């Protein structure tokens, strides 16, 4: 399964990506938000482990989720056909929403929430 992480700038998309994938992003990857960041994470399942211990199969394959850290949604990004193509290539979208007050992100006197 391929999950795209989307949201407005500075809401925590990359932080969520790093938490889910345990990925360590370099400074160049953080600076270049135009390109996608991909990582895979295996999904632990105790039921599968118990069945494997019971039946002792030759091969045991846990499912994995591919996470895609898509750049921030903005007017420029929505006009870019490559951005839309990235969104079409995922199976699910995780929309990260800001739930904290950030004084540096004020628009016309109102806080973005």
N, C-alpha and C. Protein backbone atom coordinates (compact mmCIF):
# COMPACT_ATOMS: atom_id res chain seq x y z
N UNK A 1 0.84 -1.17 0.00
CA UNK A 1 0.00 0.00 0.00
C UNK A 1 0.89 1.23 0.00
N UNK A 2 0.50 2.22 -0.75
CA UNK A 2 1.26 3.46 -0.87
C UNK A 2 0.42 4.61 -0.31
N UNK A 3 0.94 5.29 0.72
CA UNK A 3 0.22 6.36 1.39
C UNK A 3 0.97 7.67 1.21
N UNK A 4 0.29 8.68 0.69
CA UNK A 4 0.87 10.01 0.52
C UNK A 4 0.51 10.90 1.69
N UNK A 5 1.49 11.60 2.23
CA UNK A 5 1.28 12.52 3.35
C UNK A 5 1.24 13.93 2.79
N UNK A 6 0.08 14.61 2.94
CA UNK A 6 -0.11 15.94 2.37
C UNK A 6 -0.54 16.92 3.46
N UNK A 7 -0.47 18.21 3.14
CA UNK A 7 -0.93 19.25 4.06
C UNK A 7 -0.29 20.58 3.72
N UNK A 8 -0.72 21.61 4.42
CA UNK A 8 -0.17 22.95 4.24
C UNK A 8 1.27 23.00 4.74
N UNK A 9 2.00 24.06 4.38
CA UNK A 9 3.37 24.19 4.88
C UNK A 9 3.43 24.29 6.40
N UNK A 10 4.47 23.71 6.99
CA UNK A 10 4.78 23.82 8.41
C UNK A 10 3.71 23.24 9.34
N UNK A 11 3.05 22.14 8.93
CA UNK A 11 2.05 21.52 9.81
C UNK A 11 2.56 20.24 10.45
N UNK A 12 3.71 19.72 9.98
CA UNK A 12 4.26 18.52 10.58
C UNK A 12 4.25 17.30 9.69
N UNK A 13 4.17 17.50 8.38
CA UNK A 13 4.16 16.36 7.44
C UNK A 13 5.45 15.56 7.52
N UNK A 14 6.57 16.25 7.48
CA UNK A 14 7.86 15.56 7.51
C UNK A 14 8.11 14.94 8.89
N UNK A 15 7.64 15.58 9.94
CA UNK A 15 7.78 14.99 11.28
C UNK A 15 6.99 13.70 11.36
N UNK A 16 5.76 13.70 10.85
CA UNK A 16 4.96 12.47 10.84
C UNK A 16 5.62 11.40 9.99
N UNK A 17 6.17 11.78 8.84
CA UNK A 17 6.88 10.85 7.97
C UNK A 17 8.05 10.21 8.71
N UNK A 18 8.83 11.02 9.42
CA UNK A 18 9.99 10.50 10.15
C UNK A 18 9.56 9.58 11.30
N UNK A 19 8.45 9.90 11.96
CA UNK A 19 7.95 9.06 13.05
C UNK A 19 7.48 7.71 12.52
N UNK A 20 6.73 7.72 11.42
CA UNK A 20 6.18 6.48 10.88
C UNK A 20 7.24 5.57 10.28
N UNK A 21 8.26 6.15 9.67
CA UNK A 21 9.24 5.35 8.94
C UNK A 21 10.57 5.20 9.66
N UNK A 22 10.76 5.95 10.74
CA UNK A 22 12.04 5.96 11.46
C UNK A 22 13.19 6.36 10.52
N UNK A 23 12.86 7.21 9.55
CA UNK A 23 13.84 7.66 8.56
C UNK A 23 14.61 8.85 9.11
N UNK A 24 15.87 8.93 8.73
CA UNK A 24 16.72 10.07 9.08
C UNK A 24 16.98 10.84 7.79
N UNK A 25 16.36 12.02 7.67
CA UNK A 25 16.48 12.81 6.46
C UNK A 25 17.69 13.72 6.54
N UNK A 26 18.40 13.82 5.44
CA UNK A 26 19.54 14.72 5.38
C UNK A 26 19.06 16.16 5.23
N UNK A 27 19.96 17.10 5.46
CA UNK A 27 19.61 18.51 5.31
C UNK A 27 19.25 18.85 3.87
N UNK A 28 19.90 18.19 2.91
CA UNK A 28 19.60 18.47 1.50
C UNK A 28 18.20 17.97 1.14
N UNK A 29 17.77 16.86 1.73
CA UNK A 29 16.43 16.35 1.46
C UNK A 29 15.38 17.27 2.05
N UNK A 30 15.66 17.86 3.21
CA UNK A 30 14.71 18.79 3.82
C UNK A 30 14.64 20.10 3.03
N UNK A 31 15.77 20.54 2.51
CA UNK A 31 15.81 21.80 1.78
C UNK A 31 15.13 21.70 0.43
N UNK A 32 15.24 20.57 -0.25
CA UNK A 32 14.65 20.39 -1.57
C UNK A 32 13.28 19.75 -1.43
N UNK A 33 12.26 20.55 -1.20
CA UNK A 33 10.91 20.03 -1.01
C UNK A 33 10.21 19.74 -2.33
N UNK A 34 10.85 20.04 -3.46
CA UNK A 34 10.23 19.78 -4.75
C UNK A 34 10.21 18.29 -5.07
N UNK A 35 11.15 17.54 -4.52
CA UNK A 35 11.17 16.11 -4.81
C UNK A 35 10.53 15.32 -3.69
N UNK A 36 10.07 14.14 -4.03
CA UNK A 36 9.39 13.28 -3.07
C UNK A 36 10.39 12.56 -2.18
N UNK A 37 9.97 12.24 -0.99
CA UNK A 37 10.76 11.42 -0.09
C UNK A 37 9.98 10.14 0.13
N UNK A 38 10.59 9.00 -0.14
CA UNK A 38 9.92 7.70 -0.02
C UNK A 38 10.58 6.88 1.07
N UNK A 39 9.77 6.07 1.75
CA UNK A 39 10.30 5.11 2.72
C UNK A 39 9.27 4.01 2.91
N UNK A 40 9.77 2.81 3.23
CA UNK A 40 8.91 1.66 3.47
C UNK A 40 9.02 1.28 4.92
N UNK A 41 7.92 0.80 5.46
CA UNK A 41 7.91 0.33 6.84
C UNK A 41 7.09 -0.95 6.93
N UNK A 42 7.66 -1.97 7.55
CA UNK A 42 6.93 -3.22 7.75
C UNK A 42 5.88 -3.03 8.83
N UNK A 43 4.75 -3.72 8.65
CA UNK A 43 3.65 -3.64 9.60
C UNK A 43 3.70 -4.86 10.51
N UNK A 44 3.95 -4.66 11.79
CA UNK A 44 4.01 -5.82 12.69
C UNK A 44 2.61 -6.40 12.90
N UNK A 45 2.53 -7.72 12.97
CA UNK A 45 1.25 -8.39 13.19
C UNK A 45 1.50 -9.62 14.07
N UNK A 46 1.08 -9.53 15.31
CA UNK A 46 1.27 -10.63 16.25
C UNK A 46 0.53 -11.89 15.81
N UNK A 47 -0.61 -11.72 15.15
CA UNK A 47 -1.37 -12.89 14.70
C UNK A 47 -0.58 -13.69 13.67
N UNK A 48 0.09 -12.98 12.77
CA UNK A 48 0.90 -13.66 11.76
C UNK A 48 2.08 -14.38 12.42
N UNK A 49 2.68 -13.75 13.39
CA UNK A 49 3.80 -14.37 14.11
C UNK A 49 3.35 -15.63 14.86
N UNK A 50 2.18 -15.57 15.49
CA UNK A 50 1.66 -16.75 16.19
C UNK A 50 1.35 -17.89 15.23
N UNK A 51 0.78 -17.56 14.08
CA UNK A 51 0.49 -18.60 13.08
C UNK A 51 1.78 -19.20 12.54
N UNK A 52 2.78 -18.36 12.33
CA UNK A 52 4.07 -18.87 11.83
C UNK A 52 4.72 -19.79 12.85
N UNK A 53 4.60 -19.46 14.14
CA UNK A 53 5.16 -20.33 15.18
C UNK A 53 4.42 -21.66 15.24
N UNK A 54 3.13 -21.63 14.95
CA UNK A 54 2.32 -22.84 14.99
C UNK A 54 2.59 -23.76 13.81
N UNK A 55 2.67 -23.19 12.59
CA UNK A 55 2.75 -23.99 11.36
C UNK A 55 4.15 -24.05 10.75
N UNK A 56 5.08 -23.22 11.22
CA UNK A 56 6.46 -23.21 10.74
C UNK A 56 6.56 -23.18 9.21
N UNK A 57 6.10 -22.08 8.57
CA UNK A 57 6.16 -22.01 7.10
C UNK A 57 7.60 -21.80 6.61
N UNK A 58 7.83 -22.11 5.33
CA UNK A 58 9.16 -21.91 4.74
C UNK A 58 9.48 -20.42 4.61
N UNK A 59 8.44 -19.62 4.39
CA UNK A 59 8.65 -18.18 4.18
C UNK A 59 7.58 -17.40 4.96
N UNK A 60 8.00 -16.33 5.57
CA UNK A 60 7.09 -15.45 6.30
C UNK A 60 7.27 -14.03 5.78
N UNK A 61 6.19 -13.45 5.26
CA UNK A 61 6.27 -12.11 4.68
C UNK A 61 5.27 -11.20 5.37
N UNK A 62 5.79 -10.22 6.09
CA UNK A 62 4.92 -9.20 6.69
C UNK A 62 4.56 -8.19 5.61
N UNK A 63 3.40 -7.60 5.74
CA UNK A 63 3.01 -6.57 4.79
C UNK A 63 3.81 -5.30 5.08
N UNK A 64 3.92 -4.45 4.10
CA UNK A 64 4.63 -3.19 4.30
C UNK A 64 3.84 -2.05 3.68
N UNK A 65 4.07 -0.87 4.22
CA UNK A 65 3.42 0.34 3.73
C UNK A 65 4.51 1.26 3.20
N UNK A 66 4.28 1.80 2.02
CA UNK A 66 5.21 2.78 1.45
C UNK A 66 4.64 4.16 1.74
N UNK A 67 5.44 4.99 2.42
CA UNK A 67 5.02 6.35 2.73
C UNK A 67 5.71 7.32 1.79
N UNK A 68 4.95 8.30 1.30
CA UNK A 68 5.46 9.31 0.39
C UNK A 68 5.24 10.67 1.04
N UNK A 69 6.32 11.38 1.31
CA UNK A 69 6.23 12.73 1.86
C UNK A 69 6.13 13.69 0.68
N UNK A 70 4.90 14.06 0.35
CA UNK A 70 4.63 14.95 -0.78
C UNK A 70 4.84 16.38 -0.31
N UNK A 71 5.28 17.25 -1.18
CA UNK A 71 5.51 18.66 -0.81
C UNK A 71 4.24 19.34 -0.34
N UNK A 72 4.40 20.51 0.22
CA UNK A 72 3.28 21.25 0.78
C UNK A 72 2.29 21.68 -0.30
N UNK A 73 1.02 21.68 0.08
CA UNK A 73 -0.03 22.14 -0.83
C UNK A 73 0.02 23.65 -0.88
N UNK A 74 0.02 24.20 -2.04
CA UNK A 74 0.02 25.64 -2.22
C UNK A 74 -0.50 25.96 -3.62
N UNK A 75 -0.68 27.22 -3.91
CA UNK A 75 -1.20 27.61 -5.22
C UNK A 75 -0.28 27.15 -6.35
N UNK A 76 1.05 27.25 -6.14
CA UNK A 76 1.99 26.84 -7.18
C UNK A 76 1.96 25.32 -7.37
N UNK A 77 1.87 24.60 -6.26
CA UNK A 77 1.88 23.14 -6.32
C UNK A 77 0.64 22.61 -7.03
N UNK A 78 -0.51 23.22 -6.79
CA UNK A 78 -1.74 22.75 -7.41
C UNK A 78 -1.75 22.97 -8.91
N UNK A 79 -0.98 23.95 -9.40
CA UNK A 79 -0.89 24.20 -10.84
C UNK A 79 0.11 23.27 -11.52
N UNK A 80 0.99 22.66 -10.74
CA UNK A 80 2.04 21.80 -11.27
C UNK A 80 1.47 20.41 -11.58
N UNK A 81 1.61 19.96 -12.82
CA UNK A 81 1.08 18.65 -13.21
C UNK A 81 1.83 17.51 -12.54
N UNK A 82 3.11 17.70 -12.21
CA UNK A 82 3.87 16.66 -11.53
C UNK A 82 3.33 16.43 -10.12
N UNK A 83 2.89 17.49 -9.46
CA UNK A 83 2.32 17.36 -8.12
C UNK A 83 1.05 16.52 -8.17
N UNK A 84 0.19 16.80 -9.15
CA UNK A 84 -1.04 16.02 -9.30
C UNK A 84 -0.73 14.57 -9.64
N UNK A 85 0.31 14.34 -10.41
CA UNK A 85 0.69 12.97 -10.76
C UNK A 85 1.13 12.21 -9.52
N UNK A 86 1.84 12.87 -8.61
CA UNK A 86 2.26 12.22 -7.36
C UNK A 86 1.03 11.80 -6.55
N UNK A 87 0.02 12.65 -6.53
CA UNK A 87 -1.19 12.34 -5.77
C UNK A 87 -1.98 11.20 -6.41
N UNK A 88 -1.94 11.11 -7.74
CA UNK A 88 -2.66 10.02 -8.42
C UNK A 88 -2.01 8.67 -8.21
N UNK A 89 -0.73 8.65 -7.90
CA UNK A 89 0.01 7.39 -7.78
C UNK A 89 -0.02 6.78 -6.39
N UNK A 90 -0.80 7.33 -5.47
CA UNK A 90 -0.88 6.76 -4.13
C UNK A 90 -2.24 6.11 -3.93
N UNK A 91 -2.29 5.15 -3.00
CA UNK A 91 -3.54 4.45 -2.71
C UNK A 91 -4.37 5.17 -1.65
N UNK A 92 -3.70 5.89 -0.76
CA UNK A 92 -4.39 6.61 0.32
C UNK A 92 -3.67 7.92 0.58
N UNK A 93 -4.41 8.90 1.10
CA UNK A 93 -3.84 10.19 1.48
C UNK A 93 -4.00 10.39 2.97
N UNK A 94 -2.93 10.81 3.63
CA UNK A 94 -2.98 11.20 5.03
C UNK A 94 -2.83 12.72 5.05
N UNK A 95 -3.91 13.41 5.39
CA UNK A 95 -3.90 14.87 5.38
C UNK A 95 -3.56 15.36 6.79
N UNK A 96 -2.41 16.01 6.92
CA UNK A 96 -1.96 16.52 8.22
C UNK A 96 -2.50 17.93 8.37
N UNK A 97 -3.17 18.17 9.50
CA UNK A 97 -3.81 19.45 9.76
C UNK A 97 -3.19 20.08 11.00
N UNK A 98 -2.95 21.37 10.97
CA UNK A 98 -2.37 22.08 12.11
C UNK A 98 -3.41 22.20 13.21
N UNK A 99 -3.01 21.79 14.42
CA UNK A 99 -3.89 21.94 15.58
C UNK A 99 -3.18 22.70 16.69
N UNK A 100 -2.16 23.46 16.33
CA UNK A 100 -1.43 24.27 17.30
C UNK A 100 -1.35 25.68 16.76
N UNK A 101 -1.25 26.63 17.66
CA UNK A 101 -1.16 28.03 17.26
C UNK A 101 0.30 28.36 16.97
N UNK A 102 0.55 28.89 15.78
CA UNK A 102 1.90 29.25 15.37
C UNK A 102 1.89 30.73 14.98
N UNK A 103 2.45 31.60 15.80
CA UNK A 103 2.41 33.03 15.51
C UNK A 103 3.11 33.41 14.21
N UNK A 104 4.03 32.58 13.72
CA UNK A 104 4.72 32.90 12.47
C UNK A 104 3.87 32.62 11.25
N UNK A 105 2.73 31.95 11.42
CA UNK A 105 1.86 31.60 10.29
C UNK A 105 0.54 32.35 10.41
N UNK A 106 0.59 33.62 10.24
CA UNK A 106 -0.62 34.44 10.32
C UNK A 106 -0.97 34.97 8.93
N UNK A 107 -2.24 34.90 8.61
CA UNK A 107 -2.71 35.43 7.33
C UNK A 107 -3.82 36.43 7.62
N UNK A 108 -3.62 37.65 7.22
CA UNK A 108 -4.61 38.72 7.38
C UNK A 108 -5.14 38.79 8.81
N UNK A 109 -4.24 38.65 9.75
CA UNK A 109 -4.61 38.79 11.15
C UNK A 109 -5.25 37.58 11.78
N UNK A 110 -5.45 36.51 11.02
CA UNK A 110 -6.08 35.31 11.56
C UNK A 110 -5.09 34.16 11.55
N UNK A 111 -5.15 33.34 12.55
CA UNK A 111 -4.27 32.18 12.64
C UNK A 111 -4.80 31.09 11.71
N UNK A 112 -3.89 30.42 11.03
CA UNK A 112 -4.26 29.30 10.17
C UNK A 112 -4.52 28.10 11.05
N UNK A 113 -5.64 27.52 10.97
CA UNK A 113 -5.94 26.31 11.74
C UNK A 113 -6.57 25.28 10.88
